[in-house]
Amino acid sequence: MRFHDYDRVAIVTGSDSGIGEATAIALATAGFDVGVTFRSDSAGAEEVAGKVRELGRRCEVRRLDLSRLPGAADVIDDLAGALGGLGVLVNCAGTGISTPVVDTDYEQWREVLAVDLDGPFLCAQRAARRMLAAGRGGRIINITSVHEHAPRVGAGAYCAAKGGLGLLTKVMAQELAASGITVNAVAPGEIATPMTGNEDVDPFTVSRPGVPVGRPGDANEVAAVVAMLAGPDAAYVTGASWVVDGGMLLMGPQAGSHLQSDDWRNG
C-alpha cells in the first residue's frame, strides 16, 4: 500500500494569524479542507476561515488553549469529526518569553513548555491515533524554530521546548513511518508575524545584515514548505527539520568574528 489516499483534511493549530494563517491558506489552495484554531483572536480565525471557504474548501473553527492540558487536545478529535477525517496536522500554535533563565519563574517556564511542547505532543498523539485507525497514512508537521537547533540569550524556556519538539518529531517519525505517516519539523528564522512584532511590515523592506538573505522571512515562504511536506509526493521525507531562515543558522562562526559589541548578551 502506498498510503497516498489519506484524508484531504488538515488541522492547523494557531492559524488565526501569522505562519498558521498562511499555512491554512496554502493547504486550502492545495485542496485540503481546513480546521482552524485560535487562542484569543476569534475574529482573526473567522477571517481566515472566510479565506479558506473562498477557495472552495470547507472550514471549521475552534478555540484551542494549550495551557489547559490535557483536555485542550480534545479539539483535534472535535475538528476531525466535524470535517470527516484527518490527513494532516500542523502544530503551529506557540508562545515564548524573553527572560534570562535565572529570572524565569516556574509558572512562566511551565506555560511555555505546555504550549510549545506538551500541547504539540498531545495534538500529534491524537492525530496519529486517528491516522493509524484509518490506515491510509498521513502527515504530521511541527513548526519549531531555528531555536530547535541553536540557543538564544533570554529564550531558555522557548529553546528547551523547541529542542524537545525537534527530537519528539524524530522519534514519532521512526515509530509511524511503516504506517505511511511522515513526521517532520519546519524551523523558521525571523518571520514577519505578530509573534515577532513586525506583521505590518513588508519584510523585503527590512534590513538584516546578519542574515545572508538580508531580510526577515515572509509567512508564505514558511507555508510553502509546509504545503510541500503535506503533499503525497513527500512520502519519502520523514524525521527531517526543514530550516526556513534565510541562512541565519549559517552565521555562527561569522557572527563570532564580526560582532562589534556585547549587546547580544542582553538578548
C-alpha atoms as a PDB file:
ATOM      1  CA  MET A   1       0.000   0.000   0.000  1.00  0.00           C
ATOM      2  CA  ARG A   2       1.362   3.401  -0.984  1.00  0.00           C
ATOM      3  CA  PHE A   3      -0.584   5.397   1.635  1.00  0.00           C
ATOM      4  CA  HIS A   4      -1.321   8.201  -0.831  1.00  0.00           C
ATOM      5  CA  ASP A   5      -5.053   8.230  -0.135  1.00  0.00           C
ATOM      6  CA  TYR A   6      -5.005   9.949   3.253  1.00  0.00           C
ATOM      7  CA  ASP A   7      -7.877  12.289   4.061  1.00  0.00           C
ATOM      8  CA  ARG A   8      -7.775  15.696   2.362  1.00  0.00           C
ATOM      9  CA  VAL A   9      -8.406  17.315   5.725  1.00  0.00           C
ATOM     10  CA  ALA A  10      -5.813  19.403   7.570  1.00  0.00           C
ATOM     11  CA  ILE A  11      -5.843  20.897  11.046  1.00  0.00           C
ATOM     12  CA  VAL A  12      -3.562  23.874  11.623  1.00  0.00           C
ATOM     13  CA  THR A  13      -3.262  24.987  15.237  1.00  0.00           C
ATOM     14  CA  GLY A  14      -2.696  28.660  15.924  1.00  0.00           C
ATOM     15  CA  SER A  15      -3.974  29.571  12.477  1.00  0.00           C
ATOM     16  CA  ASP A  16      -5.707  32.865  13.279  1.00  0.00           C
ATOM     17  CA  SER A  17      -2.667  34.850  12.061  1.00  0.00           C
ATOM     18  CA  GLY A  18       0.962  34.674  11.002  1.00  0.00           C
ATOM     19  CA  ILE A  19       2.524  31.413   9.858  1.00  0.00           C
ATOM     20  CA  GLY A  20      -0.571  29.456  10.849  1.00  0.00           C
ATOM     21  CA  GLU A  21      -2.838  31.635   8.728  1.00  0.00           C
ATOM     22  CA  ALA A  22      -0.505  31.419   5.735  1.00  0.00           C
ATOM     23  CA  THR A  23      -0.341  27.636   6.163  1.00  0.00           C
ATOM     24  CA  ALA A  24      -4.113  27.264   6.332  1.00  0.00           C
ATOM     25  CA  ILE A  25      -4.481  29.227   3.091  1.00  0.00           C
ATOM     26  CA  ALA A  26      -1.673  27.279   1.383  1.00  0.00           C
ATOM     27  CA  LEU A  27      -3.249  23.952   2.305  1.00  0.00           C
ATOM     28  CA  ALA A  28      -6.692  25.099   1.187  1.00  0.00           C
ATOM     29  CA  THR A  29      -5.135  26.132  -2.129  1.00  0.00           C
ATOM     30  CA  ALA A  30      -3.649  22.626  -2.352  1.00  0.00           C
ATOM     31  CA  GLY A  31      -7.103  21.091  -1.973  1.00  0.00           C
ATOM     32  CA  PHE A  32      -7.474  20.472   1.766  1.00  0.00           C
ATOM     33  CA  ASP A  33     -10.449  21.229   3.950  1.00  0.00           C
ATOM     34  CA  VAL A  34      -9.054  23.015   6.989  1.00  0.00           C
ATOM     35  CA  GLY A  35      -9.600  23.095  10.732  1.00  0.00           C
ATOM     36  CA  VAL A  36      -8.562  26.487  12.125  1.00  0.00           C
ATOM     37  CA  THR A  37      -7.809  27.086  15.796  1.00  0.00           C
ATOM     38  CA  PHE A  38      -7.219  30.221  17.845  1.00  0.00           C
ATOM     39  CA  ARG A  39      -6.459  31.054  21.467  1.00  0.00           C
ATOM     40  CA  SER A  40      -7.799  34.612  21.790  1.00  0.00           C
ATOM     41  CA  ASP A  41      -8.312  36.147  18.327  1.00  0.00           C
ATOM     42  CA  SER A  42     -11.690  34.725  17.281  1.00  0.00           C
ATOM     43  CA  ALA A  43     -12.183  37.495  14.712  1.00  0.00           C
ATOM     44  CA  GLY A  44      -8.844  36.645  13.081  1.00  0.00           C
ATOM     45  CA  ALA A  45      -9.759  32.970  12.961  1.00  0.00           C
ATOM     46  CA  GLU A  46     -13.112  33.697  11.314  1.00  0.00           C
ATOM     47  CA  GLU A  47     -11.369  35.897   8.763  1.00  0.00           C
ATOM     48  CA  VAL A  48      -9.019  33.043   7.903  1.00  0.00           C
ATOM     49  CA  ALA A  49     -11.979  30.675   7.666  1.00  0.00           C
ATOM     50  CA  GLY A  50     -13.585  33.038   5.187  1.00  0.00           C
ATOM     51  CA  LYS A  51     -10.465  32.970   3.014  1.00  0.00           C
ATOM     52  CA  VAL A  52     -10.436  29.153   3.095  1.00  0.00           C
ATOM     53  CA  ARG A  53     -14.090  29.000   2.051  1.00  0.00           C
ATOM     54  CA  GLU A  54     -13.483  31.495  -0.749  1.00  0.00           C
ATOM     55  CA  LEU A  55     -11.077  28.905  -2.147  1.00  0.00           C
ATOM     56  CA  GLY A  56     -13.920  26.405  -2.269  1.00  0.00           C
ATOM     57  CA  ARG A  57     -12.862  24.354   0.762  1.00  0.00           C
ATOM     58  CA  ARG A  58     -14.741  23.566   3.950  1.00  0.00           C
ATOM     59  CA  CYS A  59     -13.509  25.116   7.192  1.00  0.00           C
ATOM     60  CA  GLU A  60     -14.306  24.648  10.881  1.00  0.00           C
ATOM     61  CA  VAL A  61     -13.075  26.956  13.649  1.00  0.00           C
ATOM     62  CA  ARG A  62     -12.437  26.036  17.275  1.00  0.00           C
ATOM     63  CA  ARG A  63     -10.807  27.682  20.281  1.00  0.00           C
ATOM     64  CA  LEU A  64      -7.653  25.875  21.440  1.00  0.00           C
ATOM     65  CA  ASP A  65      -5.848  26.954  24.614  1.00  0.00           C
ATOM     66  CA  LEU A  66      -2.800  24.739  25.015  1.00  0.00           C
ATOM     67  CA  SER A  67      -2.209  25.997  28.540  1.00  0.00           C
ATOM     68  CA  ARG A  68      -5.283  23.954  29.542  1.00  0.00           C
ATOM     69  CA  LEU A  69      -4.000  20.431  29.146  1.00  0.00           C
ATOM     70  CA  PRO A  70      -4.632  17.607  28.614  1.00  0.00           C
ATOM     71  CA  GLY A  71      -8.267  18.405  27.830  1.00  0.00           C
ATOM     72  CA  ALA A  72      -7.498  21.053  25.210  1.00  0.00           C
ATOM     73  CA  ALA A  73      -6.279  18.341  22.813  1.00  0.00           C
ATOM     74  CA  ASP A  74      -9.892  17.164  22.506  1.00  0.00           C
ATOM     75  CA  VAL A  75     -10.190  19.880  19.854  1.00  0.00           C
ATOM     76  CA  ILE A  76      -8.235  17.686  17.411  1.00  0.00           C
ATOM     77  CA  ASP A  77     -10.853  14.942  17.610  1.00  0.00           C
ATOM     78  CA  ASP A  78     -13.655  17.514  17.519  1.00  0.00           C
ATOM     79  CA  LEU A  79     -12.357  19.098  14.313  1.00  0.00           C
ATOM     80  CA  ALA A  80     -11.576  15.750  12.692  1.00  0.00           C
ATOM     81  CA  GLY A  81     -15.108  14.624  13.422  1.00  0.00           C
ATOM     82  CA  ALA A  82     -16.654  17.797  12.066  1.00  0.00           C
ATOM     83  CA  LEU A  83     -14.595  17.666   8.867  1.00  0.00           C
ATOM     84  CA  GLY A  84     -14.951  13.924   8.347  1.00  0.00           C
ATOM     85  CA  GLY A  85     -11.354  12.789   8.768  1.00  0.00           C
ATOM     86  CA  LEU A  86      -7.780  13.899   9.301  1.00  0.00           C
ATOM     87  CA  GLY A  87      -4.871  13.582   6.907  1.00  0.00           C
ATOM     88  CA  VAL A  88      -2.564  16.411   8.004  1.00  0.00           C
ATOM     89  CA  LEU A  89      -1.822  18.021  11.360  1.00  0.00           C
ATOM     90  CA  VAL A  90       0.297  21.163  11.544  1.00  0.00           C
ATOM     91  CA  ASN A  91       1.298  22.071  15.101  1.00  0.00           C
ATOM     92  CA  CYS A  92       1.797  25.813  14.753  1.00  0.00           C
ATOM     93  CA  ALA A  93       0.400  27.288  17.986  1.00  0.00           C
ATOM     94  CA  GLY A  94       3.191  28.620  20.166  1.00  0.00           C
ATOM     95  CA  THR A  95       4.335  31.181  22.693  1.00  0.00           C
ATOM     96  CA  GLY A  96       7.582  32.486  24.143  1.00  0.00           C
ATOM     97  CA  ILE A  97       9.185  34.798  26.666  1.00  0.00           C
ATOM     98  CA  SER A  98      12.334  36.912  26.668  1.00  0.00           C
ATOM     99  CA  THR A  99      13.711  36.348  30.156  1.00  0.00           C
ATOM    100  CA  PRO A 100      17.115  35.143  31.364  1.00  0.00           C
ATOM    101  CA  VAL A 101      16.985  31.656  32.833  1.00  0.00           C
ATOM    102  CA  VAL A 102      17.936  32.900  36.314  1.00  0.00           C
ATOM    103  CA  ASP A 103      14.937  35.265  36.248  1.00  0.00           C
ATOM    104  CA  THR A 104      12.400  32.824  34.768  1.00  0.00           C
ATOM    105  CA  ASP A 105       9.845  31.754  37.351  1.00  0.00           C
ATOM    106  CA  TYR A 106       8.358  28.294  37.322  1.00  0.00           C
ATOM    107  CA  GLU A 107       4.932  29.437  36.125  1.00  0.00           C
ATOM    108  CA  GLN A 108       6.497  31.133  33.080  1.00  0.00           C
ATOM    109  CA  TRP A 109       8.591  28.037  32.383  1.00  0.00           C
ATOM    110  CA  ARG A 110       5.606  25.717  32.625  1.00  0.00           C
ATOM    111  CA  GLU A 111       3.411  27.852  30.364  1.00  0.00           C
ATOM    112  CA  VAL A 112       5.991  27.906  27.572  1.00  0.00           C
ATOM    113  CA  LEU A 113       6.666  24.178  27.900  1.00  0.00           C
ATOM    114  CA  ALA A 114       2.930  23.423  27.957  1.00  0.00           C
ATOM    115  CA  VAL A 115       2.098  25.436  24.856  1.00  0.00           C
ATOM    116  CA  ASP A 116       5.239  24.685  22.831  1.00  0.00           C
ATOM    117  CA  LEU A 117       5.924  21.049  23.775  1.00  0.00           C
ATOM    118  CA  ASP A 118       3.194  19.371  25.834  1.00  0.00           C
ATOM    119  CA  GLY A 119       0.446  20.683  23.554  1.00  0.00           C
ATOM    120  CA  PRO A 120       2.063  19.589  20.292  1.00  0.00           C
ATOM    121  CA  PHE A 121       2.788  16.170  21.839  1.00  0.00           C
ATOM    122  CA  LEU A 122      -0.854  15.646  22.782  1.00  0.00           C
ATOM    123  CA  CYS A 123      -2.204  17.007  19.494  1.00  0.00           C
ATOM    124  CA  ALA A 124       0.208  14.867  17.462  1.00  0.00           C
ATOM    125  CA  GLN A 125      -0.694  11.832  19.556  1.00  0.00           C
ATOM    126  CA  ARG A 126      -4.418  12.362  18.885  1.00  0.00           C
ATOM    127  CA  ALA A 127      -3.762  12.874  15.169  1.00  0.00           C
ATOM    128  CA  ALA A 128      -1.503   9.815  14.912  1.00  0.00           C
ATOM    129  CA  ARG A 129      -4.067   7.589  16.585  1.00  0.00           C
ATOM    130  CA  ARG A 130      -6.715   8.684  14.086  1.00  0.00           C
ATOM    131  CA  MET A 131      -4.399   8.211  11.128  1.00  0.00           C
ATOM    132  CA  LEU A 132      -3.381   4.745  12.333  1.00  0.00           C
ATOM    133  CA  ALA A 133      -7.006   3.737  12.797  1.00  0.00           C
ATOM    134  CA  ALA A 134      -7.878   4.933   9.280  1.00  0.00           C
ATOM    135  CA  GLY A 135      -4.925   3.020   7.789  1.00  0.00           C
ATOM    136  CA  ARG A 136      -4.338   5.466   4.933  1.00  0.00           C
ATOM    137  CA  GLY A 137      -1.222   7.281   6.141  1.00  0.00           C
ATOM    138  CA  GLY A 138      -0.905  10.979   6.845  1.00  0.00           C
ATOM    139  CA  ARG A 139       1.335  13.900   7.634  1.00  0.00           C
ATOM    140  CA  ILE A 140       2.318  15.500  10.952  1.00  0.00           C
ATOM    141  CA  ILE A 141       4.312  18.726  10.673  1.00  0.00           C
ATOM    142  CA  ASN A 142       5.625  20.522  13.748  1.00  0.00           C
ATOM    143  CA  ILE A 143       6.544  24.187  13.471  1.00  0.00           C
ATOM    144  CA  THR A 144       9.629  24.521  15.635  1.00  0.00           C
ATOM    145  CA  SER A 145      12.163  27.345  15.153  1.00  0.00           C
ATOM    146  CA  VAL A 146      15.808  27.883  14.377  1.00  0.00           C
ATOM    147  CA  HIS A 147      15.985  27.608  18.165  1.00  0.00           C
ATOM    148  CA  GLU A 148      15.279  23.922  17.797  1.00  0.00           C
ATOM    149  CA  HIS A 149      18.921  23.919  16.678  1.00  0.00           C
ATOM    150  CA  ALA A 150      20.624  26.954  18.215  1.00  0.00           C
ATOM    151  CA  PRO A 151      20.298  28.808  21.525  1.00  0.00           C
ATOM    152  CA  ARG A 152      19.351  32.430  22.102  1.00  0.00           C
ATOM    153  CA  VAL A 153      20.035  34.511  25.186  1.00  0.00           C
ATOM    154  CA  GLY A 154      16.811  35.147  27.098  1.00  0.00           C
ATOM    155  CA  ALA A 155      14.929  32.250  25.491  1.00  0.00           C
ATOM    156  CA  GLY A 156      15.759  29.305  27.726  1.00  0.00           C
ATOM    157  CA  ALA A 157      12.205  28.006  28.065  1.00  0.00           C
ATOM    158  CA  TYR A 158      11.468  28.512  24.363  1.00  0.00           C
ATOM    159  CA  CYS A 159      14.680  26.815  23.241  1.00  0.00           C
ATOM    160  CA  ALA A 160      14.110  23.893  25.625  1.00  0.00           C
ATOM    161  CA  ALA A 161      10.588  23.392  24.270  1.00  0.00           C
ATOM    162  CA  LYS A 162      11.527  23.680  20.611  1.00  0.00           C
ATOM    163  CA  GLY A 163      14.557  21.440  21.032  1.00  0.00           C
ATOM    164  CA  GLY A 164      12.366  18.856  22.710  1.00  0.00           C
ATOM    165  CA  LEU A 165       9.772  19.091  19.955  1.00  0.00           C
ATOM    166  CA  GLY A 166      12.509  18.555  17.382  1.00  0.00           C
ATOM    167  CA  LEU A 167      13.553  15.254  18.957  1.00  0.00           C
ATOM    168  CA  LEU A 168       9.941  14.195  19.521  1.00  0.00           C
ATOM    169  CA  THR A 169       9.467  14.730  15.782  1.00  0.00           C
ATOM    170  CA  LYS A 170      12.280  12.297  15.012  1.00  0.00           C
ATOM    171  CA  VAL A 171      11.024   9.616  17.406  1.00  0.00           C
ATOM    172  CA  MET A 172       7.487   9.797  16.026  1.00  0.00           C
ATOM    173  CA  ALA A 173       8.905   9.637  12.501  1.00  0.00           C
ATOM    174  CA  GLN A 174      10.610   6.360  13.373  1.00  0.00           C
ATOM    175  CA  GLU A 175       7.543   4.916  15.040  1.00  0.00           C
ATOM    176  CA  LEU A 176       4.993   5.863  12.371  1.00  0.00           C
ATOM    177  CA  ALA A 177       6.895   5.516   9.098  1.00  0.00           C
ATOM    178  CA  ALA A 178       5.817   1.956   8.340  1.00  0.00           C
ATOM    179  CA  SER A 179       2.198   3.090   8.567  1.00  0.00           C
ATOM    180  CA  GLY A 180       2.692   5.743   5.898  1.00  0.00           C
ATOM    181  CA  ILE A 181       2.640   8.634   8.366  1.00  0.00           C
ATOM    182  CA  THR A 182       5.514  11.069   7.950  1.00  0.00           C
ATOM    183  CA  VAL A 183       6.552  13.405  10.756  1.00  0.00           C
ATOM    184  CA  ASN A 184       8.703  16.438  10.015  1.00  0.00           C
ATOM    185  CA  ALA A 185       9.630  19.760  11.564  1.00  0.00           C
ATOM    186  CA  VAL A 186       9.749  23.153   9.878  1.00  0.00           C
ATOM    187  CA  ALA A 187      12.120  25.533  11.665  1.00  0.00           C
ATOM    188  CA  PRO A 188      11.577  29.211  10.798  1.00  0.00           C
ATOM    189  CA  GLY A 189      14.021  32.002  11.494  1.00  0.00           C
ATOM    190  CA  GLU A 190      12.788  35.564  11.895  1.00  0.00           C
ATOM    191  CA  ILE A 191       9.464  35.759  10.075  1.00  0.00           C
ATOM    192  CA  ALA A 192       7.314  38.889   9.780  1.00  0.00           C
ATOM    193  CA  THR A 193       4.417  37.808  12.025  1.00  0.00           C
ATOM    194  CA  PRO A 194       2.572  39.105  15.105  1.00  0.00           C
ATOM    195  CA  MET A 195       4.851  36.971  17.311  1.00  0.00           C
ATOM    196  CA  THR A 196       7.923  38.913  16.123  1.00  0.00           C
ATOM    197  CA  GLY A 197       6.122  42.262  16.215  1.00  0.00           C
ATOM    198  CA  ASN A 198       6.536  43.190  12.553  1.00  0.00           C
ATOM    199  CA  GLU A 199       3.484  41.694  10.845  1.00  0.00           C
ATOM    200  CA  ASP A 200       2.543  45.018   9.235  1.00  0.00           C
ATOM    201  CA  VAL A 201       5.978  45.487   7.681  1.00  0.00           C
ATOM    202  CA  ASP A 202       6.980  44.277   4.231  1.00  0.00           C
ATOM    203  CA  PRO A 203       9.932  42.007   5.077  1.00  0.00           C
ATOM    204  CA  PHE A 204      11.561  42.909   1.780  1.00  0.00           C
ATOM    205  CA  THR A 205      11.982  46.489   3.102  1.00  0.00           C
ATOM    206  CA  VAL A 206      13.675  45.471   6.379  1.00  0.00           C
ATOM    207  CA  SER A 207      17.446  45.125   6.576  1.00  0.00           C
ATOM    208  CA  ARG A 208      19.014  42.224   8.473  1.00  0.00           C
ATOM    209  CA  PRO A 209      22.766  42.404   7.746  1.00  0.00           C
ATOM    210  CA  GLY A 210      23.429  39.336   9.917  1.00  0.00           C
ATOM    211  CA  VAL A 211      21.208  37.114   7.765  1.00  0.00           C
ATOM    212  CA  PRO A 212      22.691  36.061   4.413  1.00  0.00           C
ATOM    213  CA  VAL A 213      19.442  36.756   2.515  1.00  0.00           C
ATOM    214  CA  GLY A 214      19.482  40.173   4.190  1.00  0.00           C
ATOM    215  CA  ARG A 215      15.872  40.405   5.393  1.00  0.00           C
ATOM    216  CA  PRO A 216      13.271  38.675   7.575  1.00  0.00           C
ATOM    217  CA  GLY A 217      11.124  35.979   6.007  1.00  0.00           C
ATOM    218  CA  ASP A 218       7.523  36.144   4.852  1.00  0.00           C
ATOM    219  CA  ALA A 219       4.995  33.765   6.427  1.00  0.00           C
ATOM    220  CA  ASN A 220       4.076  32.496   2.966  1.00  0.00           C
ATOM    221  CA  GLU A 221       7.653  31.316   2.473  1.00  0.00           C
ATOM    222  CA  VAL A 222       7.263  29.040   5.500  1.00  0.00           C
ATOM    223  CA  ALA A 223       3.791  27.912   4.447  1.00  0.00           C
ATOM    224  CA  ALA A 224       5.116  26.830   1.056  1.00  0.00           C
ATOM    225  CA  VAL A 225       7.492  24.365   2.729  1.00  0.00           C
ATOM    226  CA  VAL A 226       4.704  23.046   4.962  1.00  0.00           C
ATOM    227  CA  ALA A 227       2.442  22.548   1.939  1.00  0.00           C
ATOM    228  CA  MET A 228       5.195  20.633   0.147  1.00  0.00           C
ATOM    229  CA  LEU A 229       5.658  18.309   3.119  1.00  0.00           C
ATOM    230  CA  ALA A 230       1.875  17.838   3.389  1.00  0.00           C
ATOM    231  CA  GLY A 231       1.568  16.588  -0.171  1.00  0.00           C
ATOM    232  CA  PRO A 232       1.614  12.985  -1.385  1.00  0.00           C
ATOM    233  CA  ASP A 233       4.869  13.495  -3.280  1.00  0.00           C
ATOM    234  CA  ALA A 234       6.732  13.986   0.027  1.00  0.00           C
ATOM    235  CA  ALA A 235       6.075  10.401   1.132  1.00  0.00           C
ATOM    236  CA  TYR A 236       9.786   9.558   1.431  1.00  0.00           C
ATOM    237  CA  VAL A 237      10.631  12.576   3.598  1.00  0.00           C
ATOM    238  CA  THR A 238      10.369  11.976   7.337  1.00  0.00           C
ATOM    239  CA  GLY A 239      12.218  12.818  10.541  1.00  0.00           C
ATOM    240  CA  ALA A 240      13.778  15.930   9.000  1.00  0.00           C
ATOM    241  CA  SER A 241      13.900  19.512  10.202  1.00  0.00           C
ATOM    242  CA  TRP A 242      13.382  21.949   7.339  1.00  0.00           C
ATOM    243  CA  VAL A 243      15.094  25.207   8.228  1.00  0.00           C
ATOM    244  CA  VAL A 244      13.500  28.304   6.651  1.00  0.00           C
ATOM    245  CA  ASP A 245      15.751  31.084   7.906  1.00  0.00           C
ATOM    246  CA  GLY A 246      17.416  32.901   5.009  1.00  0.00           C
ATOM    247  CA  GLY A 247      20.734  31.360   6.050  1.00  0.00           C
ATOM    248  CA  MET A 248      20.646  32.629   9.653  1.00  0.00           C
ATOM    249  CA  LEU A 249      21.996  29.418  11.176  1.00  0.00           C
ATOM    250  CA  LEU A 250      24.988  29.520   8.856  1.00  0.00           C
ATOM    251  CA  MET A 251      26.294  32.635  10.567  1.00  0.00           C
ATOM    252  CA  GLY A 252      27.582  31.238  13.879  1.00  0.00           C
ATOM    253  CA  PRO A 253      31.341  31.485  13.290  1.00  0.00           C
ATOM    254  CA  GLN A 254      30.898  34.586  11.136  1.00  0.00           C
ATOM    255  CA  ALA A 255      28.970  36.353  13.889  1.00  0.00           C
ATOM    256  CA  GLY A 256      31.626  35.288  16.380  1.00  0.00           C
ATOM    257  CA  SER A 257      34.311  37.102  14.424  1.00  0.00           C
ATOM    258  CA  HIS A 258      32.291  40.128  13.299  1.00  0.00           C
ATOM    259  CA  LEU A 259      30.096  41.241  16.201  1.00  0.00           C
ATOM    260  CA  GLN A 260      31.347  44.650  17.300  1.00  0.00           C
ATOM    261  CA  SER A 261      29.719  44.957  20.741  1.00  0.00           C
ATOM    262  CA  ASP A 262      28.425  42.975  23.712  1.00  0.00           C
ATOM    263  CA  ASP A 263      24.800  43.987  23.074  1.00  0.00           C
ATOM    264  CA  TRP A 264      23.913  40.364  22.252  1.00  0.00           C
ATOM    265  CA  ARG A 265      24.412  39.433  25.914  1.00  0.00           C
ATOM    266  CA  ASN A 266      21.192  41.297  26.755  1.00  0.00           C
ATOM    267  CA  GLY A 267      19.052  39.248  24.365  1.00  0.00           C
END
